[in-house]
């Protein structure tokens, strides 16, 4: 391990790809996206930190969210933040749905997608 990698691991600045597990990868991705949540949640870093904690708690309560397409999970979180709701199971919910993905020249496949309700 190089010195730069050790420093990144010690400071928590490792990339999502370098995370130990999917939960850590999501946590790092949300932490890196704080600046995108900031205008949606009233320009308060305390609100963003609270929102991220609620999202991570929702993932702990429903671990299948980690198997969903990550793009759809982040988009669902963005929509909840845009509406000013916390996905805590009371105000809003993050749910999993199977969606059919079609690409030209390839057979159809089913993929798990997260959705905000």
PDB file of N, CA and C in Angstrom:
ATOM      1  N   UNK A   1       0.848  -1.173   0.000  1.00  0.00           N
ATOM      2  CA  UNK A   1       0.000   0.000   0.000  1.00  0.00           C
ATOM      3  C   UNK A   1       0.895   1.238   0.000  1.00  0.00           C
ATOM      4  N   UNK A   2       0.566   2.194  -0.858  1.00  0.00           N
ATOM      5  CA  UNK A   2       1.377   3.399  -0.936  1.00  0.00           C
ATOM      6  C   UNK A   2       1.028   4.355   0.195  1.00  0.00           C
ATOM      7  N   UNK A   3       1.849   5.357   0.369  1.00  0.00           N
ATOM      8  CA  UNK A   3       1.607   6.352   1.411  1.00  0.00           C
ATOM      9  C   UNK A   3       0.317   7.124   1.142  1.00  0.00           C
ATOM     10  N   UNK A   4       0.048   7.415  -0.116  1.00  0.00           N
ATOM     11  CA  UNK A   4      -1.178   8.136  -0.468  1.00  0.00           C
ATOM     12  C   UNK A   4      -2.415   7.301  -0.142  1.00  0.00           C
ATOM     13  N   UNK A   5      -2.348   5.998  -0.400  1.00  0.00           N
ATOM     14  CA  UNK A   5      -3.475   5.118  -0.097  1.00  0.00           C
ATOM     15  C   UNK A   5      -3.694   5.009   1.409  1.00  0.00           C
ATOM     16  N   UNK A   6      -2.593   4.942   2.170  1.00  0.00           N
ATOM     17  CA  UNK A   6      -2.705   4.896   3.632  1.00  0.00           C
ATOM     18  C   UNK A   6      -3.335   6.176   4.166  1.00  0.00           C
ATOM     19  N   UNK A   7      -2.900   7.309   3.626  1.00  0.00           N
ATOM     20  CA  UNK A   7      -3.453   8.587   4.067  1.00  0.00           C
ATOM     21  C   UNK A   7      -4.943   8.677   3.731  1.00  0.00           C
ATOM     22  N   UNK A   8      -5.317   8.237   2.529  1.00  0.00           N
ATOM     23  CA  UNK A   8      -6.726   8.270   2.123  1.00  0.00           C
ATOM     24  C   UNK A   8      -7.570   7.380   3.019  1.00  0.00           C
ATOM     25  N   UNK A   9      -7.049   6.217   3.367  1.00  0.00           N
ATOM     26  CA  UNK A   9      -7.791   5.308   4.238  1.00  0.00           C
ATOM     27  C   UNK A   9      -7.912   5.872   5.647  1.00  0.00           C
ATOM     28  N   UNK A  10      -6.863   6.520   6.124  1.00  0.00           N
ATOM     29  CA  UNK A  10      -6.873   7.064   7.483  1.00  0.00           C
ATOM     30  C   UNK A  10      -7.788   8.271   7.613  1.00  0.00           C
ATOM     31  N   UNK A  11      -7.892   9.068   6.565  1.00  0.00           N
ATOM     32  CA  UNK A  11      -8.725  10.277   6.629  1.00  0.00           C
ATOM     33  C   UNK A  11     -10.140  10.036   6.126  1.00  0.00           C
ATOM     34  N   UNK A  12     -10.401   8.831   5.635  1.00  0.00           N
ATOM     35  CA  UNK A  12     -11.740   8.543   5.115  1.00  0.00           C
ATOM     36  C   UNK A  12     -11.952   9.088   3.723  1.00  0.00           C
ATOM     37  N   UNK A  13     -10.878   9.443   3.034  1.00  0.00           N
ATOM     38  CA  UNK A  13     -10.991  10.028   1.706  1.00  0.00           C
ATOM     39  C   UNK A  13     -10.868   8.984   0.604  1.00  0.00           C
ATOM     40  N   UNK A  14     -11.016   7.718   0.949  1.00  0.00           N
ATOM     41  CA  UNK A  14     -10.953   6.676  -0.064  1.00  0.00           C
ATOM     42  C   UNK A  14     -12.165   6.794  -0.980  1.00  0.00           C
ATOM     43  N   UNK A  15     -11.992   6.386  -2.209  1.00  0.00           N
ATOM     44  CA  UNK A  15     -13.089   6.465  -3.170  1.00  0.00           C
ATOM     45  C   UNK A  15     -14.106   5.360  -2.887  1.00  0.00           C
ATOM     46  N   UNK A  16     -15.327   5.497  -3.406  1.00  0.00           N
ATOM     47  CA  UNK A  16     -16.326   4.443  -3.193  1.00  0.00           C
ATOM     48  C   UNK A  16     -15.851   3.071  -3.678  1.00  0.00           C
ATOM     49  N   UNK A  17     -15.046   3.034  -4.734  1.00  0.00           N
ATOM     50  CA  UNK A  17     -14.553   1.763  -5.247  1.00  0.00           C
ATOM     51  C   UNK A  17     -13.588   1.100  -4.264  1.00  0.00           C
ATOM     52  N   UNK A  18     -12.946   1.893  -3.411  1.00  0.00           N
ATOM     53  CA  UNK A  18     -11.979   1.362  -2.450  1.00  0.00           C
ATOM     54  C   UNK A  18     -12.629   0.998  -1.122  1.00  0.00           C
ATOM     55  N   UNK A  19     -13.903   1.171  -0.989  1.00  0.00           N
ATOM     56  CA  UNK A  19     -14.592   0.881   0.264  1.00  0.00           C
ATOM     57  C   UNK A  19     -14.581  -0.620   0.524  1.00  0.00           C
ATOM     58  N   UNK A  20     -14.722  -0.959   1.808  1.00  0.00           N
ATOM     59  CA  UNK A  20     -14.652  -2.356   2.210  1.00  0.00           C
ATOM     60  C   UNK A  20     -15.909  -3.131   1.864  1.00  0.00           C
ATOM     61  N   UNK A  21     -17.058  -2.498   1.890  1.00  0.00           N
ATOM     62  CA  UNK A  21     -18.317  -3.183   1.614  1.00  0.00           C
ATOM     63  C   UNK A  21     -19.285  -2.204   0.953  1.00  0.00           C
ATOM     64  N   UNK A  22     -20.425  -2.698   0.456  1.00  0.00           N
ATOM     65  CA  UNK A  22     -21.373  -1.807  -0.240  1.00  0.00           C
ATOM     66  C   UNK A  22     -21.907  -0.683   0.644  1.00  0.00           C
ATOM     67  N   UNK A  23     -22.090  -0.939   1.932  1.00  0.00           N
ATOM     68  CA  UNK A  23     -22.576   0.102   2.837  1.00  0.00           C
ATOM     69  C   UNK A  23     -21.564   1.244   2.924  1.00  0.00           C
ATOM     70  N   UNK A  24     -20.289   0.896   3.088  1.00  0.00           N
ATOM     71  CA  UNK A  24     -19.239   1.920   3.131  1.00  0.00           C
ATOM     72  C   UNK A  24     -19.168   2.688   1.813  1.00  0.00           C
ATOM     73  N   UNK A  25     -19.342   1.964   0.712  1.00  0.00           N
ATOM     74  CA  UNK A  25     -19.307   2.633  -0.601  1.00  0.00           C
ATOM     75  C   UNK A  25     -20.434   3.652  -0.717  1.00  0.00           C
ATOM     76  N   UNK A  26     -21.638   3.278  -0.266  1.00  0.00           N
ATOM     77  CA  UNK A  26     -22.758   4.211  -0.309  1.00  0.00           C
ATOM     78  C   UNK A  26     -22.504   5.399   0.611  1.00  0.00           C
ATOM     79  N   UNK A  27     -21.992   5.129   1.790  1.00  0.00           N
ATOM     80  CA  UNK A  27     -21.708   6.197   2.747  1.00  0.00           C
ATOM     81  C   UNK A  27     -20.711   7.200   2.159  1.00  0.00           C
ATOM     82  N   UNK A  28     -19.668   6.701   1.556  1.00  0.00           N
ATOM     83  CA  UNK A  28     -18.666   7.591   0.939  1.00  0.00           C
ATOM     84  C   UNK A  28     -19.265   8.364  -0.226  1.00  0.00           C
ATOM     85  N   UNK A  29     -20.110   7.701  -1.013  1.00  0.00           N
ATOM     86  CA  UNK A  29     -20.721   8.379  -2.155  1.00  0.00           C
ATOM     87  C   UNK A  29     -21.649   9.496  -1.686  1.00  0.00           C
ATOM     88  N   UNK A  30     -22.416   9.251  -0.625  1.00  0.00           N
ATOM     89  CA  UNK A  30     -23.294  10.293  -0.086  1.00  0.00           C
ATOM     90  C   UNK A  30     -22.469  11.436   0.503  1.00  0.00           C
ATOM     91  N   UNK A  31     -21.390  11.117   1.202  1.00  0.00           N
ATOM     92  CA  UNK A  31     -20.524  12.151   1.779  1.00  0.00           C
ATOM     93  C   UNK A  31     -19.919  13.015   0.675  1.00  0.00           C
ATOM     94  N   UNK A  32     -19.545  12.393  -0.435  1.00  0.00           N
ATOM     95  CA  UNK A  32     -18.965  13.143  -1.542  1.00  0.00           C
ATOM     96  C   UNK A  32     -20.014  13.971  -2.285  1.00  0.00           C
ATOM     97  N   UNK A  33     -21.287  13.634  -2.106  1.00  0.00           N
ATOM     98  CA  UNK A  33     -22.372  14.355  -2.789  1.00  0.00           C
ATOM     99  C   UNK A  33     -23.018  15.413  -1.906  1.00  0.00           C
ATOM    100  N   UNK A  34     -22.410  15.721  -0.776  1.00  0.00           N
ATOM    101  CA  UNK A  34     -22.998  16.700   0.147  1.00  0.00           C
ATOM    102  C   UNK A  34     -23.304  18.022  -0.543  1.00  0.00           C
ATOM    103  N   UNK A  35     -22.407  18.471  -1.399  1.00  0.00           N
ATOM    104  CA  UNK A  35     -22.605  19.762  -2.068  1.00  0.00           C
ATOM    105  C   UNK A  35     -23.839  19.757  -2.972  1.00  0.00           C
ATOM    106  N   UNK A  36     -24.260  18.577  -3.455  1.00  0.00           N
ATOM    107  CA  UNK A  36     -25.460  18.498  -4.282  1.00  0.00           C
ATOM    108  C   UNK A  36     -26.727  18.543  -3.430  1.00  0.00           C
ATOM    109  N   UNK A  37     -26.652  18.012  -2.207  1.00  0.00           N
ATOM    110  CA  UNK A  37     -27.806  18.021  -1.309  1.00  0.00           C
ATOM    111  C   UNK A  37     -27.987  19.377  -0.624  1.00  0.00           C
ATOM    112  N   UNK A  38     -26.908  20.133  -0.502  1.00  0.00           N
ATOM    113  CA  UNK A  38     -26.937  21.385   0.255  1.00  0.00           C
ATOM    114  C   UNK A  38     -28.019  22.360  -0.215  1.00  0.00           C
ATOM    115  N   UNK A  39     -28.118  22.697  -1.499  1.00  0.00           N
ATOM    116  CA  UNK A  39     -29.169  23.642  -1.900  1.00  0.00           C
ATOM    117  C   UNK A  39     -30.582  23.060  -1.765  1.00  0.00           C
ATOM    118  N   UNK A  40     -30.704  21.749  -1.819  1.00  0.00           N
ATOM    119  CA  UNK A  40     -32.018  21.117  -1.719  1.00  0.00           C
ATOM    120  C   UNK A  40     -32.549  21.109  -0.295  1.00  0.00           C
ATOM    121  N   UNK A  41     -31.631  21.166   0.685  1.00  0.00           N
ATOM    122  CA  UNK A  41     -32.021  21.050   2.088  1.00  0.00           C
ATOM    123  C   UNK A  41     -31.817  22.345   2.862  1.00  0.00           C
ATOM    124  N   UNK A  42     -31.871  23.467   2.196  1.00  0.00           N
ATOM    125  CA  UNK A  42     -31.841  24.753   2.881  1.00  0.00           C
ATOM    126  C   UNK A  42     -30.474  25.312   3.187  1.00  0.00           C
ATOM    127  N   UNK A  43     -29.441  24.906   2.445  1.00  0.00           N
ATOM    128  CA  UNK A  43     -28.084  25.429   2.621  1.00  0.00           C
ATOM    129  C   UNK A  43     -27.567  25.313   4.047  1.00  0.00           C
ATOM    130  N   UNK A  44     -27.936  24.257   4.744  1.00  0.00           N
ATOM    131  CA  UNK A  44     -27.441  24.007   6.096  1.00  0.00           C
ATOM    132  C   UNK A  44     -26.747  22.647   6.113  1.00  0.00           C
ATOM    133  N   UNK A  45     -25.471  22.646   6.484  1.00  0.00           N
ATOM    134  CA  UNK A  45     -24.744  21.379   6.508  1.00  0.00           C
ATOM    135  C   UNK A  45     -25.297  20.446   7.582  1.00  0.00           C
ATOM    136  N   UNK A  46     -25.904  20.996   8.633  1.00  0.00           N
ATOM    137  CA  UNK A  46     -26.515  20.151   9.664  1.00  0.00           C
ATOM    138  C   UNK A  46     -27.699  19.376   9.077  1.00  0.00           C
ATOM    139  N   UNK A  47     -28.483  20.044   8.220  1.00  0.00           N
ATOM    140  CA  UNK A  47     -29.600  19.357   7.563  1.00  0.00           C
ATOM    141  C   UNK A  47     -29.104  18.257   6.638  1.00  0.00           C
ATOM    142  N   UNK A  48     -28.018  18.507   5.924  1.00  0.00           N
ATOM    143  CA  UNK A  48     -27.456  17.510   5.011  1.00  0.00           C
ATOM    144  C   UNK A  48     -26.934  16.315   5.801  1.00  0.00           C
ATOM    145  N   UNK A  49     -26.220  16.579   6.900  1.00  0.00           N
ATOM    146  CA  UNK A  49     -25.707  15.484   7.721  1.00  0.00           C
ATOM    147  C   UNK A  49     -26.841  14.638   8.277  1.00  0.00           C
ATOM    148  N   UNK A  50     -27.904  15.287   8.719  1.00  0.00           N
ATOM    149  CA  UNK A  50     -29.064  14.564   9.249  1.00  0.00           C
ATOM    150  C   UNK A  50     -29.713  13.724   8.148  1.00  0.00           C
ATOM    151  N   UNK A  51     -29.856  14.302   6.961  1.00  0.00           N
ATOM    152  CA  UNK A  51     -30.458  13.590   5.840  1.00  0.00           C
ATOM    153  C   UNK A  51     -29.649  12.341   5.495  1.00  0.00           C
ATOM    154  N   UNK A  52     -28.321  12.487   5.446  1.00  0.00           N
ATOM    155  CA  UNK A  52     -27.454  11.350   5.125  1.00  0.00           C
ATOM    156  C   UNK A  52     -27.573  10.266   6.191  1.00  0.00           C
ATOM    157  N   UNK A  53     -27.629  10.663   7.465  1.00  0.00           N
ATOM    158  CA  UNK A  53     -27.798   9.673   8.538  1.00  0.00           C
ATOM    159  C   UNK A  53     -29.113   8.921   8.384  1.00  0.00           C
ATOM    160  N   UNK A  54     -30.181   9.634   8.033  1.00  0.00           N
ATOM    161  CA  UNK A  54     -31.485   8.992   7.850  1.00  0.00           C
ATOM    162  C   UNK A  54     -31.442   8.019   6.676  1.00  0.00           C
ATOM    163  N   UNK A  55     -30.798   8.400   5.584  1.00  0.00           N
ATOM    164  CA  UNK A  55     -30.687   7.512   4.422  1.00  0.00           C
ATOM    165  C   UNK A  55     -29.916   6.252   4.797  1.00  0.00           C
ATOM    166  N   UNK A  56     -28.808   6.425   5.527  1.00  0.00           N
ATOM    167  CA  UNK A  56     -28.013   5.267   5.927  1.00  0.00           C
ATOM    168  C   UNK A  56     -28.788   4.370   6.892  1.00  0.00           C
ATOM    169  N   UNK A  57     -29.598   4.962   7.766  1.00  0.00           N
ATOM    170  CA  UNK A  57     -30.443   4.155   8.654  1.00  0.00           C
ATOM    171  C   UNK A  57     -31.502   3.396   7.854  1.00  0.00           C
ATOM    172  N   UNK A  58     -32.046   4.024   6.818  1.00  0.00           N
ATOM    173  CA  UNK A  58     -33.023   3.350   5.961  1.00  0.00           C
ATOM    174  C   UNK A  58     -32.387   2.152   5.261  1.00  0.00           C
ATOM    175  N   UNK A  59     -31.130   2.308   4.870  1.00  0.00           N
ATOM    176  CA  UNK A  59     -30.417   1.204   4.212  1.00  0.00           C
ATOM    177  C   UNK A  59     -30.150   0.083   5.219  1.00  0.00           C
ATOM    178  N   UNK A  60     -29.825   0.441   6.447  1.00  0.00           N
ATOM    179  CA  UNK A  60     -29.634  -0.587   7.473  1.00  0.00           C
ATOM    180  C   UNK A  60     -30.938  -1.334   7.752  1.00  0.00           C
ATOM    181  N   UNK A  61     -32.058  -0.629   7.723  1.00  0.00           N
ATOM    182  CA  UNK A  61     -33.353  -1.251   7.970  1.00  0.00           C
ATOM    183  C   UNK A  61     -33.795  -2.118   6.789  1.00  0.00           C
ATOM    184  N   UNK A  62     -33.363  -1.758   5.586  1.00  0.00           N
ATOM    185  CA  UNK A  62     -33.734  -2.505   4.385  1.00  0.00           C
ATOM    186  C   UNK A  62     -32.475  -2.740   3.547  1.00  0.00           C
ATOM    187  N   UNK A  63     -31.659  -3.732   3.919  1.00  0.00           N
ATOM    188  CA  UNK A  63     -30.366  -3.951   3.247  1.00  0.00           C
ATOM    189  C   UNK A  63     -30.472  -4.242   1.758  1.00  0.00           C
ATOM    190  N   UNK A  64     -31.638  -4.641   1.282  1.00  0.00           N
ATOM    191  CA  UNK A  64     -31.810  -4.910  -0.144  1.00  0.00           C
ATOM    192  C   UNK A  64     -31.586  -3.656  -0.983  1.00  0.00           C
ATOM    193  N   UNK A  65     -31.671  -2.471  -0.361  1.00  0.00           N
ATOM    194  CA  UNK A  65     -31.403  -1.223  -1.077  1.00  0.00           C
ATOM    195  C   UNK A  65     -29.972  -1.187  -1.615  1.00  0.00           C
ATOM    196  N   UNK A  66     -29.059  -1.874  -0.933  1.00  0.00           N
ATOM    197  CA  UNK A  66     -27.665  -1.901  -1.394  1.00  0.00           C
ATOM    198  C   UNK A  66     -27.518  -2.683  -2.696  1.00  0.00           C
ATOM    199  N   UNK A  67     -28.477  -3.566  -2.986  1.00  0.00           N
ATOM    200  CA  UNK A  67     -28.429  -4.350  -4.225  1.00  0.00           C
ATOM    201  C   UNK A  67     -29.075  -3.621  -5.389  1.00  0.00           C
ATOM    202  N   UNK A  68     -29.744  -2.510  -5.105  1.00  0.00           N
ATOM    203  CA  UNK A  68     -30.398  -1.745  -6.167  1.00  0.00           C
ATOM    204  C   UNK A  68     -29.355  -0.999  -6.996  1.00  0.00           C
ATOM    205  N   UNK A  69     -29.741  -0.641  -8.195  1.00  0.00           N
ATOM    206  CA  UNK A  69     -28.885   0.178  -9.043  1.00  0.00           C
ATOM    207  C   UNK A  69     -28.550   1.464  -8.277  1.00  0.00           C
ATOM    208  N   UNK A  70     -27.285   1.746  -8.100  1.00  0.00           N
ATOM    209  CA  UNK A  70     -26.850   2.868  -7.274  1.00  0.00           C
ATOM    210  C   UNK A  70     -27.344   4.205  -7.816  1.00  0.00           C
ATOM    211  N   UNK A  71     -27.404   4.330  -9.129  1.00  0.00           N
ATOM    212  CA  UNK A  71     -27.884   5.567  -9.740  1.00  0.00           C
ATOM    213  C   UNK A  71     -29.323   5.844  -9.337  1.00  0.00           C
ATOM    214  N   UNK A  72     -30.156   4.801  -9.325  1.00  0.00           N
ATOM    215  CA  UNK A  72     -31.558   4.995  -8.956  1.00  0.00           C
ATOM    216  C   UNK A  72     -31.697   5.304  -7.469  1.00  0.00           C
ATOM    217  N   UNK A  73     -30.828   4.732  -6.645  1.00  0.00           N
ATOM    218  CA  UNK A  73     -30.880   5.002  -5.204  1.00  0.00           C
ATOM    219  C   UNK A  73     -30.522   6.456  -4.909  1.00  0.00           C
ATOM    220  N   UNK A  74     -29.467   6.958  -5.523  1.00  0.00           N
ATOM    221  CA  UNK A  74     -29.071   8.352  -5.316  1.00  0.00           C
ATOM    222  C   UNK A  74     -30.135   9.295  -5.871  1.00  0.00           C
ATOM    223  N   UNK A  75     -30.711   8.958  -7.025  1.00  0.00           N
ATOM    224  CA  UNK A  75     -31.764   9.800  -7.609  1.00  0.00           C
ATOM    225  C   UNK A  75     -32.992   9.841  -6.698  1.00  0.00           C
ATOM    226  N   UNK A  76     -33.340   8.711  -6.091  1.00  0.00           N
ATOM    227  CA  UNK A  76     -34.479   8.680  -5.168  1.00  0.00           C
ATOM    228  C   UNK A  76     -34.193   9.544  -3.943  1.00  0.00           C
ATOM    229  N   UNK A  77     -32.972   9.503  -3.457  1.00  0.00           N
ATOM    230  CA  UNK A  77     -32.584  10.351  -2.317  1.00  0.00           C
ATOM    231  C   UNK A  77     -32.661  11.827  -2.701  1.00  0.00           C
ATOM    232  N   UNK A  78     -32.230  12.164  -3.909  1.00  0.00           N
ATOM    233  CA  UNK A  78     -32.286  13.545  -4.376  1.00  0.00           C
ATOM    234  C   UNK A  78     -33.727  14.045  -4.458  1.00  0.00           C
ATOM    235  N   UNK A  79     -34.624  13.187  -4.934  1.00  0.00           N
ATOM    236  CA  UNK A  79     -36.036  13.588  -5.033  1.00  0.00           C
ATOM    237  C   UNK A  79     -36.635  13.807  -3.643  1.00  0.00           C
ATOM    238  N   UNK A  80     -36.280  12.952  -2.693  1.00  0.00           N
ATOM    239  CA  UNK A  80     -36.777  13.130  -1.323  1.00  0.00           C
ATOM    240  C   UNK A  80     -36.256  14.437  -0.743  1.00  0.00           C
ATOM    241  N   UNK A  81     -34.981  14.723  -0.967  1.00  0.00           N
ATOM    242  CA  UNK A  81     -34.393  15.969  -0.470  1.00  0.00           C
ATOM    243  C   UNK A  81     -35.044  17.171  -1.136  1.00  0.00           C
ATOM    244  N   UNK A  82     -35.330  17.052  -2.412  1.00  0.00           N
ATOM    245  CA  UNK A  82     -35.960  18.148  -3.152  1.00  0.00           C
ATOM    246  C   UNK A  82     -37.345  18.468  -2.586  1.00  0.00           C
ATOM    247  N   UNK A  83     -38.057  17.431  -2.150  1.00  0.00           N
ATOM    248  CA  UNK A  83     -39.375  17.629  -1.545  1.00  0.00           C
ATOM    249  C   UNK A  83     -39.285  17.978  -0.066  1.00  0.00           C
ATOM    250  N   UNK A  84     -38.075  17.961   0.490  1.00  0.00           N
ATOM    251  CA  UNK A  84     -37.882  18.300   1.902  1.00  0.00           C
ATOM    252  C   UNK A  84     -38.336  17.215   2.853  1.00  0.00           C
ATOM    253  N   UNK A  85     -38.348  15.951   2.381  1.00  0.00           N
ATOM    254  CA  UNK A  85     -38.784  14.839   3.211  1.00  0.00           C
ATOM    255  C   UNK A  85     -37.626  13.909   3.537  1.00  0.00           C
ATOM    256  N   UNK A  86     -37.671  13.343   4.719  1.00  0.00           N
ATOM    257  CA  UNK A  86     -36.666  12.372   5.138  1.00  0.00           C
ATOM    258  C   UNK A  86     -37.170  10.965   4.837  1.00  0.00           C
ATOM    259  N   UNK A  87     -36.361  10.126   4.196  1.00  0.00           N
ATOM    260  CA  UNK A  87     -36.798   8.759   3.898  1.00  0.00           C
ATOM    261  C   UNK A  87     -36.670   7.857   5.131  1.00  0.00           C
ATOM    262  N   UNK A  88     -37.414   8.201   6.179  1.00  0.00           N
ATOM    263  CA  UNK A  88     -37.312   7.485   7.450  1.00  0.00           C
ATOM    264  C   UNK A  88     -38.419   6.466   7.665  1.00  0.00           C
ATOM    265  N   UNK A  89     -39.281   6.276   6.679  1.00  0.00           N
ATOM    266  CA  UNK A  89     -40.376   5.338   6.816  1.00  0.00           C
ATOM    267  C   UNK A  89     -41.654   6.009   7.297  1.00  0.00           C
ATOM    268  N   UNK A  90     -41.566   7.229   7.774  1.00  0.00           N
ATOM    269  CA  UNK A  90     -42.752   7.978   8.202  1.00  0.00           C
ATOM    270  C   UNK A  90     -43.099   9.046   7.173  1.00  0.00           C
ATOM    271  N   UNK A  91     -42.134   9.902   6.880  1.00  0.00           N
ATOM    272  CA  UNK A  91     -42.364  10.971   5.906  1.00  0.00           C
ATOM    273  C   UNK A  91     -42.283  10.444   4.482  1.00  0.00           C
ATOM    274  N   UNK A  92     -41.304   9.600   4.237  1.00  0.00           N
ATOM    275  CA  UNK A  92     -41.072   9.045   2.902  1.00  0.00           C
ATOM    276  C   UNK A  92     -40.423   7.671   3.049  1.00  0.00           C
ATOM    277  N   UNK A  93     -40.435   6.914   1.960  1.00  0.00           N
ATOM    278  CA  UNK A  93     -39.898   5.559   1.968  1.00  0.00           C
ATOM    279  C   UNK A  93     -39.063   5.349   0.715  1.00  0.00           C
ATOM    280  N   UNK A  94     -37.952   4.640   0.859  1.00  0.00           N
ATOM    281  CA  UNK A  94     -37.182   4.182  -0.288  1.00  0.00           C
ATOM    282  C   UNK A  94     -37.568   2.721  -0.508  1.00  0.00           C
ATOM    283  N   UNK A  95     -38.042   2.402  -1.704  1.00  0.00           N
ATOM    284  CA  UNK A  95     -38.553   1.074  -2.014  1.00  0.00           C
ATOM    285  C   UNK A  95     -37.772   0.467  -3.171  1.00  0.00           C
ATOM    286  N   UNK A  96     -37.819  -0.846  -3.285  1.00  0.00           N
ATOM    287  CA  UNK A  96     -37.139  -1.570  -4.362  1.00  0.00           C
ATOM    288  C   UNK A  96     -38.182  -2.133  -5.322  1.00  0.00           C
ATOM    289  N   UNK A  97     -37.919  -1.969  -6.614  1.00  0.00           N
ATOM    290  CA  UNK A  97     -38.770  -2.539  -7.649  1.00  0.00           C
ATOM    291  C   UNK A  97     -37.881  -3.208  -8.683  1.00  0.00           C
ATOM    292  N   UNK A  98     -38.373  -4.265  -9.283  1.00  0.00           N
ATOM    293  CA  UNK A  98     -37.682  -4.883 -10.407  1.00  0.00           C
ATOM    294  C   UNK A  98     -38.130  -4.172 -11.672  1.00  0.00           C
ATOM    295  N   UNK A  99     -37.178  -3.729 -12.461  1.00  0.00           N
ATOM    296  CA  UNK A  99     -37.488  -3.043 -13.712  1.00  0.00           C
ATOM    297  C   UNK A  99     -36.819  -3.771 -14.868  1.00  0.00           C
ATOM    298  N   UNK A 100     -37.493  -3.771 -15.997  1.00  0.00           N
ATOM    299  CA  UNK A 100     -36.946  -4.422 -17.178  1.00  0.00           C
ATOM    300  C   UNK A 100     -36.041  -3.439 -17.912  1.00  0.00           C
ATOM    301  N   UNK A 101     -34.836  -3.888 -18.218  1.00  0.00           N
ATOM    302  CA  UNK A 101     -33.867  -3.069 -18.940  1.00  0.00           C
ATOM    303  C   UNK A 101     -33.694  -3.667 -20.325  1.00  0.00           C
ATOM    304  N   UNK A 102     -33.986  -2.875 -21.330  1.00  0.00           N
ATOM    305  CA  UNK A 102     -33.867  -3.331 -22.716  1.00  0.00           C
ATOM    306  C   UNK A 102     -32.765  -2.548 -23.413  1.00  0.00           C
ATOM    307  N   UNK A 103     -31.897  -3.280 -24.082  1.00  0.00           N
ATOM    308  CA  UNK A 103     -30.860  -2.642 -24.881  1.00  0.00           C
ATOM    309  C   UNK A 103     -30.889  -3.276 -26.261  1.00  0.00           C
ATOM    310  N   UNK A 104     -30.692  -2.455 -27.257  1.00  0.00           N
ATOM    311  CA  UNK A 104     -30.761  -2.930 -28.634  1.00  0.00           C
ATOM    312  C   UNK A 104     -29.722  -4.027 -28.861  1.00  0.00           C
ATOM    313  N   UNK A 105     -30.176  -5.128 -29.427  1.00  0.00           N
ATOM    314  CA  UNK A 105     -29.273  -6.217 -29.772  1.00  0.00           C
ATOM    315  C   UNK A 105     -28.967  -7.154 -28.613  1.00  0.00           C
ATOM    316  N   UNK A 106     -29.518  -6.913 -27.446  1.00  0.00           N
ATOM    317  CA  UNK A 106     -29.272  -7.770 -26.288  1.00  0.00           C
ATOM    318  C   UNK A 106     -30.601  -8.241 -25.720  1.00  0.00           C
ATOM    319  N   UNK A 107     -30.597  -9.396 -25.063  1.00  0.00           N
ATOM    320  CA  UNK A 107     -31.850  -9.843 -24.441  1.00  0.00           C
ATOM    321  C   UNK A 107     -32.212  -8.945 -23.253  1.00  0.00           C
ATOM    322  N   UNK A 108     -33.515  -8.861 -22.987  1.00  0.00           N
ATOM    323  CA  UNK A 108     -33.987  -8.065 -21.855  1.00  0.00           C
ATOM    324  C   UNK A 108     -33.484  -8.681 -20.552  1.00  0.00           C
ATOM    325  N   UNK A 109     -33.255  -7.820 -19.566  1.00  0.00           N
ATOM    326  CA  UNK A 109     -32.851  -8.305 -18.243  1.00  0.00           C
ATOM    327  C   UNK A 109     -33.581  -7.484 -17.192  1.00  0.00           C
ATOM    328  N   UNK A 110     -33.706  -8.056 -16.015  1.00  0.00           N
ATOM    329  CA  UNK A 110     -34.378  -7.398 -14.911  1.00  0.00           C
ATOM    330  C   UNK A 110     -33.336  -6.853 -13.941  1.00  0.00           C
ATOM    331  N   UNK A 111     -33.573  -5.634 -13.469  1.00  0.00           N
ATOM    332  CA  UNK A 111     -32.634  -4.970 -12.594  1.00  0.00           C
ATOM    333  C   UNK A 111     -33.401  -4.360 -11.423  1.00  0.00           C
ATOM    334  N   UNK A 112     -32.813  -4.393 -10.224  1.00  0.00           N
ATOM    335  CA  UNK A 112     -33.453  -3.782  -9.059  1.00  0.00           C
ATOM    336  C   UNK A 112     -33.205  -2.275  -9.101  1.00  0.00           C
ATOM    337  N   UNK A 113     -34.289  -1.533  -8.902  1.00  0.00           N
ATOM    338  CA  UNK A 113     -34.193  -0.061  -8.916  1.00  0.00           C
ATOM    339  C   UNK A 113     -34.858   0.477  -7.653  1.00  0.00           C
ATOM    340  N   UNK A 114     -34.260   1.510  -7.083  1.00  0.00           N
ATOM    341  CA  UNK A 114     -34.822   2.153  -5.903  1.00  0.00           C
ATOM    342  C   UNK A 114     -35.753   3.262  -6.350  1.00  0.00           C
ATOM    343  N   UNK A 115     -36.811   3.449  -5.571  1.00  0.00           N
ATOM    344  CA  UNK A 115     -37.768   4.511  -5.870  1.00  0.00           C
ATOM    345  C   UNK A 115     -38.208   5.157  -4.562  1.00  0.00           C
ATOM    346  N   UNK A 116     -38.436   6.440  -4.607  1.00  0.00           N
ATOM    347  CA  UNK A 116     -38.873   7.205  -3.442  1.00  0.00           C
ATOM    348  C   UNK A 116     -40.377   7.364  -3.487  1.00  0.00           C
ATOM    349  N   UNK A 117     -41.018   7.051  -2.378  1.00  0.00           N
ATOM    350  CA  UNK A 117     -42.478   7.203  -2.278  1.00  0.00           C
ATOM    351  C   UNK A 117     -42.784   8.121  -1.122  1.00  0.00           C
TER     352      UNK A 117
END
